[in-house]
Amino acid sequence: MKLKFIILVLLLFTLGACQFIKTTTNQGDVQSFKDHFRSNSKFNKNWEDDSYKSPASYFIEDGHLKITTRPQLVDRVKVKTKRNDFGLGTYSWRIYIPQFDLFDQCAIGAFLYHSGDINYEFDFEIGSGTKTHRDELNANLSEVLVHCTSQIAPFSNHISKIESEEWHEFTIELKQGFGDKYLIMWYIDGVLVKTLQSDIKTDIKFTVHNSIENLDFMGEQLPTRKNYVLFDWFEYRP
C-alpha cells in the first residue's frame, strides 16, 4: 500500500512538472526582437512606412536609421514594425538627439501604438518644447524636453529635460498590473521617470514606431530648417 502511494505521488509530480514545462514553453513563444539598423534588407523585412501625408524620408546611413522632416511643412515621417503582437516586456531605443532651434514644432518619437476600435499609445516625444514648458523646467539652451505620455486610458503626461547633441537610451516597460491591465514604466538612460497603472487589458497588442514629426504641441512655430534623428538600435525583450 505504501509503495502504491509513493508511485502515485511520483506520477502526480511528473505530470505537474510536465504541465509546468508546457506552460513555460508557451509563454516563451513570444519572440524577442532587435535591429541595429545595419542592413537595408533586414530593415525592409521588419519595418514598413507609416508616414502621414509626408514623403518616406528615412534610410539606413552609417549603421543608423536616419529620419528627416522638411522645413515649414507639417511632415509626419514614421516607420512601424510589421509585427503587431508586442505586449508585456521591455522596449528600448538608443537615439541621437540633435539640438533643435528654440521652440520649433518638431518631435522625435519612440512609441507603441494599437490600432483598433480604440487607439492606444504609449510614447516618448522629444523636442525643444513650448516656452511655457521650458520655463517650468528651467531648461537651458542645450537641453530638450521629453514627454512621457499615455494618450488614453488614462491620458497622462510627464515632462523631463535632457542634453541634446548626445546619445540617450529610452525604455518603456509593460508589466502585469492590477486587474490584468498594463502597468507602464518609462526610463531615460536607465533612470525611472514615470510609472502609470493603465486601464488597458494586457491582451491588447502593439506595433513599435520610430519617427520625427512637425507637431504643433511641441513648440511655437514650424521649423525653418530640415531636422533629423538617428536611431542606433531598437530592442524588445519579452
C-alpha atoms as a PDB file:
ATOM      1  CA  MET A   1       0.000   0.000   0.000  1.00  0.00           C
ATOM      2  CA  LYS A   2       2.833   2.327   0.912  1.00  0.00           C
ATOM      3  CA  LEU A   3       4.604   1.561  -2.381  1.00  0.00           C
ATOM      4  CA  LYS A   4       1.420   2.338  -4.366  1.00  0.00           C
ATOM      5  CA  PHE A   5       1.128   5.676  -2.535  1.00  0.00           C
ATOM      6  CA  ILE A   6       4.748   6.598  -3.362  1.00  0.00           C
ATOM      7  CA  ILE A   7       4.211   5.663  -7.042  1.00  0.00           C
ATOM      8  CA  LEU A   8       1.038   7.804  -7.146  1.00  0.00           C
ATOM      9  CA  VAL A   9       2.881  10.811  -5.646  1.00  0.00           C
ATOM     10  CA  LEU A  10       5.712  10.452  -8.143  1.00  0.00           C
ATOM     11  CA  LEU A  11       3.230  10.200 -11.029  1.00  0.00           C
ATOM     12  CA  LEU A  12       1.396  13.342  -9.923  1.00  0.00           C
ATOM     13  CA  PHE A  13       4.703  15.199  -9.502  1.00  0.00           C
ATOM     14  CA  THR A  14       5.816  14.148 -13.003  1.00  0.00           C
ATOM     15  CA  LEU A  15       2.540  15.277 -14.579  1.00  0.00           C
ATOM     16  CA  GLY A  16       2.767  18.566 -12.728  1.00  0.00           C
ATOM     17  CA  ALA A  17       6.336  19.134 -13.890  1.00  0.00           C
ATOM     18  CA  CYS A  18       5.348  18.390 -17.483  1.00  0.00           C
ATOM     19  CA  GLN A  19       2.486  20.860 -17.256  1.00  0.00           C
ATOM     20  CA  PHE A  20       4.865  23.499 -15.825  1.00  0.00           C
ATOM     21  CA  ILE A  21       7.290  22.940 -18.692  1.00  0.00           C
ATOM     22  CA  LYS A  22       4.472  23.171 -21.229  1.00  0.00           C
ATOM     23  CA  THR A  23       3.147  26.417 -19.715  1.00  0.00           C
ATOM     24  CA  THR A  24       6.606  27.954 -19.546  1.00  0.00           C
ATOM     25  CA  THR A  25       7.300  26.984 -23.145  1.00  0.00           C
ATOM     26  CA  ASN A  26       4.015  28.530 -24.315  1.00  0.00           C
ATOM     27  CA  GLN A  27       4.818  31.774 -22.514  1.00  0.00           C
ATOM     28  CA  GLY A  28       8.191  31.778 -24.217  1.00  0.00           C
ATOM     29  CA  ASP A  29       6.662  31.637 -27.701  1.00  0.00           C
ATOM     30  CA  VAL A  30       6.714  35.443 -27.942  1.00  0.00           C
ATOM     31  CA  GLN A  31       9.876  36.275 -29.855  1.00  0.00           C
ATOM     32  CA  SER A  32      12.427  38.884 -28.826  1.00  0.00           C
ATOM     33  CA  PHE A  33      13.315  41.481 -31.449  1.00  0.00           C
ATOM     34  CA  LYS A  34      16.397  43.609 -32.094  1.00  0.00           C
ATOM     35  CA  ASP A  35      17.505  45.707 -35.039  1.00  0.00           C
ATOM     36  CA  HIS A  36      20.845  47.537 -35.219  1.00  0.00           C
ATOM     37  CA  PHE A  37      19.839  49.246 -38.486  1.00  0.00           C
ATOM     38  CA  ARG A  38      22.894  47.956 -40.328  1.00  0.00           C
ATOM     39  CA  SER A  39      21.090  46.204 -43.182  1.00  0.00           C
ATOM     40  CA  ASN A  40      18.551  47.521 -45.678  1.00  0.00           C
ATOM     41  CA  SER A  41      17.257  44.014 -46.339  1.00  0.00           C
ATOM     42  CA  LYS A  42      16.648  43.352 -42.625  1.00  0.00           C
ATOM     43  CA  PHE A  43      15.061  46.766 -42.236  1.00  0.00           C
ATOM     44  CA  ASN A  44      12.691  46.150 -45.142  1.00  0.00           C
ATOM     45  CA  LYS A  45      11.822  42.732 -43.723  1.00  0.00           C
ATOM     46  CA  ASN A  46      10.920  44.062 -40.276  1.00  0.00           C
ATOM     47  CA  TRP A  47       9.658  47.627 -40.828  1.00  0.00           C
ATOM     48  CA  GLU A  48       7.254  49.477 -43.105  1.00  0.00           C
ATOM     49  CA  ASP A  49       6.307  53.059 -43.882  1.00  0.00           C
ATOM     50  CA  ASP A  50       3.751  54.732 -41.619  1.00  0.00           C
ATOM     51  CA  SER A  51       4.247  58.353 -42.700  1.00  0.00           C
ATOM     52  CA  TYR A  52       1.202  60.608 -42.790  1.00  0.00           C
ATOM     53  CA  LYS A  53       0.845  62.904 -45.808  1.00  0.00           C
ATOM     54  CA  SER A  54       4.646  63.096 -45.955  1.00  0.00           C
ATOM     55  CA  PRO A  55       7.462  61.645 -48.047  1.00  0.00           C
ATOM     56  CA  ALA A  56       9.055  58.462 -46.727  1.00  0.00           C
ATOM     57  CA  SER A  57      12.241  60.372 -45.895  1.00  0.00           C
ATOM     58  CA  TYR A  58      14.129  57.685 -43.973  1.00  0.00           C
ATOM     59  CA  PHE A  59      17.065  55.463 -44.850  1.00  0.00           C
ATOM     60  CA  ILE A  60      19.915  53.426 -43.378  1.00  0.00           C
ATOM     61  CA  GLU A  61      23.093  55.535 -43.186  1.00  0.00           C
ATOM     62  CA  ASP A  62      26.394  54.618 -41.492  1.00  0.00           C
ATOM     63  CA  GLY A  63      24.760  51.947 -39.367  1.00  0.00           C
ATOM     64  CA  HIS A  64      21.834  54.104 -38.194  1.00  0.00           C
ATOM     65  CA  LEU A  65      18.239  54.688 -39.161  1.00  0.00           C
ATOM     66  CA  LYS A  66      18.054  58.352 -40.189  1.00  0.00           C
ATOM     67  CA  ILE A  67      14.666  60.077 -40.458  1.00  0.00           C
ATOM     68  CA  THR A  68      14.194  63.665 -41.640  1.00  0.00           C
ATOM     69  CA  THR A  69      11.485  66.324 -41.932  1.00  0.00           C
ATOM     70  CA  ARG A  70      11.245  69.312 -44.252  1.00  0.00           C
ATOM     71  CA  PRO A  71      11.135  72.951 -43.088  1.00  0.00           C
ATOM     72  CA  GLN A  72       7.880  74.924 -42.943  1.00  0.00           C
ATOM     73  CA  LEU A  73       5.759  71.819 -43.554  1.00  0.00           C
ATOM     74  CA  VAL A  74       3.698  69.617 -41.255  1.00  0.00           C
ATOM     75  CA  ASP A  75       5.721  66.478 -42.024  1.00  0.00           C
ATOM     76  CA  ARG A  76       4.956  63.337 -40.029  1.00  0.00           C
ATOM     77  CA  VAL A  77       7.558  60.759 -41.042  1.00  0.00           C
ATOM     78  CA  LYS A  78       7.258  57.392 -39.314  1.00  0.00           C
ATOM     79  CA  VAL A  79       8.145  53.728 -39.659  1.00  0.00           C
ATOM     80  CA  LYS A  80       6.456  50.875 -37.798  1.00  0.00           C
ATOM     81  CA  THR A  81       7.120  47.196 -37.243  1.00  0.00           C
ATOM     82  CA  LYS A  82       5.366  44.712 -39.476  1.00  0.00           C
ATOM     83  CA  ARG A  83       4.830  42.701 -36.306  1.00  0.00           C
ATOM     84  CA  ASN A  84       1.754  43.745 -34.348  1.00  0.00           C
ATOM     85  CA  ASP A  85       1.903  41.250 -31.475  1.00  0.00           C
ATOM     86  CA  PHE A  86       4.009  43.179 -28.967  1.00  0.00           C
ATOM     87  CA  GLY A  87       2.748  43.047 -25.370  1.00  0.00           C
ATOM     88  CA  LEU A  88       4.290  42.515 -21.947  1.00  0.00           C
ATOM     89  CA  GLY A  89       8.016  43.188 -21.979  1.00  0.00           C
ATOM     90  CA  THR A  90      10.728  45.815 -22.269  1.00  0.00           C
ATOM     91  CA  TYR A  91      11.163  48.173 -25.248  1.00  0.00           C
ATOM     92  CA  SER A  92      14.398  50.130 -25.629  1.00  0.00           C
ATOM     93  CA  TRP A  93      15.682  52.631 -28.196  1.00  0.00           C
ATOM     94  CA  ARG A  94      19.138  54.223 -28.451  1.00  0.00           C
ATOM     95  CA  ILE A  95      18.684  57.588 -30.141  1.00  0.00           C
ATOM     96  CA  TYR A  96      20.910  60.518 -31.041  1.00  0.00           C
ATOM     97  CA  ILE A  97      19.129  63.739 -30.041  1.00  0.00           C
ATOM     98  CA  PRO A  98      20.240  66.753 -32.112  1.00  0.00           C
ATOM     99  CA  GLN A  99      19.786  70.326 -30.930  1.00  0.00           C
ATOM    100  CA  PHE A 100      16.599  71.895 -32.265  1.00  0.00           C
ATOM    101  CA  ASP A 101      16.010  75.550 -32.936  1.00  0.00           C
ATOM    102  CA  LEU A 102      14.317  77.042 -29.888  1.00  0.00           C
ATOM    103  CA  PHE A 103      10.543  76.445 -29.740  1.00  0.00           C
ATOM    104  CA  ASP A 104      10.421  74.619 -33.098  1.00  0.00           C
ATOM    105  CA  GLN A 105       7.401  72.355 -33.541  1.00  0.00           C
ATOM    106  CA  CYS A 106       9.420  69.201 -34.133  1.00  0.00           C
ATOM    107  CA  ALA A 107       9.432  65.989 -32.124  1.00  0.00           C
ATOM    108  CA  ILE A 108      11.358  62.727 -32.208  1.00  0.00           C
ATOM    109  CA  GLY A 109       9.055  59.821 -31.425  1.00  0.00           C
ATOM    110  CA  ALA A 110       9.664  56.366 -29.958  1.00  0.00           C
ATOM    111  CA  PHE A 111       6.345  54.764 -29.142  1.00  0.00           C
ATOM    112  CA  LEU A 112       3.961  51.804 -29.011  1.00  0.00           C
ATOM    113  CA  TYR A 113       0.626  52.003 -30.826  1.00  0.00           C
ATOM    114  CA  HIS A 114      -2.501  49.874 -31.002  1.00  0.00           C
ATOM    115  CA  SER A 115      -4.940  50.498 -33.841  1.00  0.00           C
ATOM    116  CA  GLY A 116      -8.451  49.214 -33.296  1.00  0.00           C
ATOM    117  CA  ASP A 117     -11.900  50.274 -32.130  1.00  0.00           C
ATOM    118  CA  ILE A 118      -9.970  52.332 -29.586  1.00  0.00           C
ATOM    119  CA  ASN A 119      -6.441  53.514 -30.386  1.00  0.00           C
ATOM    120  CA  TYR A 120      -3.903  53.235 -27.555  1.00  0.00           C
ATOM    121  CA  GLU A 121      -0.447  54.810 -27.470  1.00  0.00           C
ATOM    122  CA  PHE A 122       2.475  54.953 -25.034  1.00  0.00           C
ATOM    123  CA  ASP A 123       5.306  57.185 -26.169  1.00  0.00           C
ATOM    124  CA  PHE A 124       8.367  59.317 -25.831  1.00  0.00           C
ATOM    125  CA  GLU A 125       8.123  62.648 -27.691  1.00  0.00           C
ATOM    126  CA  ILE A 126      11.385  64.624 -27.676  1.00  0.00           C
ATOM    127  CA  GLY A 127      11.900  68.191 -28.879  1.00  0.00           C
ATOM    128  CA  SER A 128      12.569  71.808 -27.966  1.00  0.00           C
ATOM    129  CA  GLY A 129       9.162  72.242 -26.364  1.00  0.00           C
ATOM    130  CA  THR A 130       6.973  75.267 -25.768  1.00  0.00           C
ATOM    131  CA  LYS A 131       8.131  78.368 -23.928  1.00  0.00           C
ATOM    132  CA  THR A 132       5.769  77.562 -21.052  1.00  0.00           C
ATOM    133  CA  HIS A 133       7.140  74.054 -20.584  1.00  0.00           C
ATOM    134  CA  ARG A 134      10.761  75.162 -20.932  1.00  0.00           C
ATOM    135  CA  ASP A 135      10.240  77.894 -18.351  1.00  0.00           C
ATOM    136  CA  GLU A 136       8.577  75.430 -15.961  1.00  0.00           C
ATOM    137  CA  LEU A 137      11.606  73.130 -16.144  1.00  0.00           C
ATOM    138  CA  ASN A 138      14.162  75.960 -16.321  1.00  0.00           C
ATOM    139  CA  ALA A 139      15.680  74.306 -19.411  1.00  0.00           C
ATOM    140  CA  ASN A 140      18.911  75.774 -20.766  1.00  0.00           C
ATOM    141  CA  LEU A 141      19.657  76.238 -24.468  1.00  0.00           C
ATOM    142  CA  SER A 142      21.423  72.880 -24.828  1.00  0.00           C
ATOM    143  CA  GLU A 143      18.530  70.898 -23.320  1.00  0.00           C
ATOM    144  CA  VAL A 144      15.445  69.427 -24.966  1.00  0.00           C
ATOM    145  CA  LEU A 145      12.218  68.222 -23.372  1.00  0.00           C
ATOM    146  CA  VAL A 146      10.980  64.625 -23.210  1.00  0.00           C
ATOM    147  CA  HIS A 147       7.249  63.944 -22.938  1.00  0.00           C
ATOM    148  CA  CYS A 148       6.456  60.512 -21.450  1.00  0.00           C
ATOM    149  CA  THR A 149       2.833  60.051 -22.424  1.00  0.00           C
ATOM    150  CA  SER A 150      -0.106  57.690 -22.308  1.00  0.00           C
ATOM    151  CA  GLN A 151      -2.523  59.046 -24.886  1.00  0.00           C
ATOM    152  CA  ILE A 152      -5.641  57.403 -23.442  1.00  0.00           C
ATOM    153  CA  ALA A 153      -6.966  55.117 -20.657  1.00  0.00           C
ATOM    154  CA  PRO A 154      -5.921  57.269 -18.903  1.00  0.00           C
ATOM    155  CA  PHE A 155      -4.295  60.273 -20.536  1.00  0.00           C
ATOM    156  CA  SER A 156      -1.149  61.094 -18.578  1.00  0.00           C
ATOM    157  CA  ASN A 157       1.957  63.136 -19.361  1.00  0.00           C
ATOM    158  CA  HIS A 158       5.243  63.763 -17.603  1.00  0.00           C
ATOM    159  CA  ILE A 159       7.948  66.091 -18.944  1.00  0.00           C
ATOM    160  CA  SER A 160      11.683  65.734 -18.292  1.00  0.00           C
ATOM    161  CA  LYS A 161      14.708  67.521 -19.776  1.00  0.00           C
ATOM    162  CA  ILE A 162      17.888  66.007 -21.237  1.00  0.00           C
ATOM    163  CA  GLU A 163      21.006  67.265 -23.001  1.00  0.00           C
ATOM    164  CA  SER A 164      20.880  67.492 -26.787  1.00  0.00           C
ATOM    165  CA  GLU A 165      23.658  66.505 -29.199  1.00  0.00           C
ATOM    166  CA  GLU A 166      24.111  63.270 -27.253  1.00  0.00           C
ATOM    167  CA  TRP A 167      23.049  59.613 -27.472  1.00  0.00           C
ATOM    168  CA  HIS A 168      20.344  58.580 -24.989  1.00  0.00           C
ATOM    169  CA  GLU A 169      18.567  55.337 -24.193  1.00  0.00           C
ATOM    170  CA  PHE A 170      14.781  55.390 -23.836  1.00  0.00           C
ATOM    171  CA  THR A 171      12.865  52.446 -22.389  1.00  0.00           C
ATOM    172  CA  ILE A 172       9.197  51.592 -21.925  1.00  0.00           C
ATOM    173  CA  GLU A 173       8.411  48.581 -19.755  1.00  0.00           C
ATOM    174  CA  LEU A 174       4.965  46.968 -19.870  1.00  0.00           C
ATOM    175  CA  LYS A 175       4.269  44.842 -16.794  1.00  0.00           C
ATOM    176  CA  GLN A 176       1.293  42.972 -15.389  1.00  0.00           C
ATOM    177  CA  GLY A 177      -0.644  45.458 -13.269  1.00  0.00           C
ATOM    178  CA  PHE A 178      -3.943  45.386 -11.387  1.00  0.00           C
ATOM    179  CA  GLY A 179      -6.849  43.546 -12.999  1.00  0.00           C
ATOM    180  CA  ASP A 180      -4.749  42.093 -15.830  1.00  0.00           C
ATOM    181  CA  LYS A 181      -4.073  45.632 -17.071  1.00  0.00           C
ATOM    182  CA  TYR A 182      -0.770  47.140 -18.157  1.00  0.00           C
ATOM    183  CA  LEU A 183       1.488  48.811 -15.638  1.00  0.00           C
ATOM    184  CA  ILE A 184       3.669  51.177 -17.706  1.00  0.00           C
ATOM    185  CA  MET A 185       7.142  52.407 -16.718  1.00  0.00           C
ATOM    186  CA  TRP A 186       9.221  54.960 -18.617  1.00  0.00           C
ATOM    187  CA  TYR A 187      13.037  55.121 -18.216  1.00  0.00           C
ATOM    188  CA  ILE A 188      15.578  57.605 -19.594  1.00  0.00           C
ATOM    189  CA  ASP A 189      19.199  56.392 -19.533  1.00  0.00           C
ATOM    190  CA  GLY A 190      18.237  53.708 -17.041  1.00  0.00           C
ATOM    191  CA  VAL A 191      16.507  56.095 -14.625  1.00  0.00           C
ATOM    192  CA  LEU A 192      12.807  55.553 -13.908  1.00  0.00           C
ATOM    193  CA  VAL A 193      10.976  58.827 -14.611  1.00  0.00           C
ATOM    194  CA  LYS A 194       7.298  57.800 -14.727  1.00  0.00           C
ATOM    195  CA  THR A 195       5.032  54.930 -13.638  1.00  0.00           C
ATOM    196  CA  LEU A 196       1.368  54.585 -14.594  1.00  0.00           C
ATOM    197  CA  GLN A 197      -1.299  51.980 -13.901  1.00  0.00           C
ATOM    198  CA  SER A 198      -3.337  51.930 -17.104  1.00  0.00           C
ATOM    199  CA  ASP A 199      -6.885  50.772 -17.807  1.00  0.00           C
ATOM    200  CA  ILE A 200      -5.738  48.752 -20.843  1.00  0.00           C
ATOM    201  CA  LYS A 201      -6.034  44.968 -20.732  1.00  0.00           C
ATOM    202  CA  THR A 202      -2.829  43.009 -21.326  1.00  0.00           C
ATOM    203  CA  ASP A 203      -4.411  41.117 -24.245  1.00  0.00           C
ATOM    204  CA  ILE A 204      -4.153  44.361 -26.273  1.00  0.00           C
ATOM    205  CA  LYS A 205      -1.093  44.183 -28.562  1.00  0.00           C
ATOM    206  CA  PHE A 206       1.017  46.885 -30.209  1.00  0.00           C
ATOM    207  CA  THR A 207       3.240  47.867 -33.100  1.00  0.00           C
ATOM    208  CA  VAL A 208       6.506  49.737 -32.477  1.00  0.00           C
ATOM    209  CA  HIS A 209       7.131  53.122 -34.136  1.00  0.00           C
ATOM    210  CA  ASN A 210      10.159  55.349 -34.789  1.00  0.00           C
ATOM    211  CA  SER A 211       9.501  58.867 -36.037  1.00  0.00           C
ATOM    212  CA  ILE A 212      10.235  62.529 -36.366  1.00  0.00           C
ATOM    213  CA  GLU A 213       7.253  64.812 -36.863  1.00  0.00           C
ATOM    214  CA  ASN A 214       6.495  68.526 -37.004  1.00  0.00           C
ATOM    215  CA  LEU A 215       3.860  68.613 -34.242  1.00  0.00           C
ATOM    216  CA  ASP A 216       2.231  71.825 -33.069  1.00  0.00           C
ATOM    217  CA  PHE A 217       2.063  70.879 -29.365  1.00  0.00           C
ATOM    218  CA  MET A 218       5.873  70.575 -29.223  1.00  0.00           C
ATOM    219  CA  GLY A 219       6.702  74.211 -29.916  1.00  0.00           C
ATOM    220  CA  GLU A 220       5.667  77.673 -31.031  1.00  0.00           C
ATOM    221  CA  GLN A 221       6.440  77.697 -34.761  1.00  0.00           C
ATOM    222  CA  LEU A 222       7.124  75.411 -37.709  1.00  0.00           C
ATOM    223  CA  PRO A 223      10.830  74.675 -38.221  1.00  0.00           C
ATOM    224  CA  THR A 224      12.701  76.861 -40.678  1.00  0.00           C
ATOM    225  CA  ARG A 225      15.286  74.163 -41.411  1.00  0.00           C
ATOM    226  CA  LYS A 226      15.467  70.459 -42.118  1.00  0.00           C
ATOM    227  CA  ASN A 227      15.530  68.361 -38.945  1.00  0.00           C
ATOM    228  CA  TYR A 228      16.702  64.786 -38.415  1.00  0.00           C
ATOM    229  CA  VAL A 229      17.072  61.981 -35.900  1.00  0.00           C
ATOM    230  CA  LEU A 230      19.365  58.929 -35.729  1.00  0.00           C
ATOM    231  CA  PHE A 231      18.206  55.600 -34.273  1.00  0.00           C
ATOM    232  CA  ASP A 232      21.163  53.368 -33.363  1.00  0.00           C
ATOM    233  CA  TRP A 233      19.125  50.338 -32.350  1.00  0.00           C
ATOM    234  CA  PHE A 234      15.784  49.125 -31.064  1.00  0.00           C
ATOM    235  CA  GLU A 235      15.287  46.073 -28.839  1.00  0.00           C
ATOM    236  CA  TYR A 236      12.260  44.246 -27.433  1.00  0.00           C
ATOM    237  CA  ARG A 237      12.669  41.672 -24.656  1.00  0.00           C
ATOM    238  CA  PRO A 238       9.530  39.680 -23.677  1.00  0.00           C
END
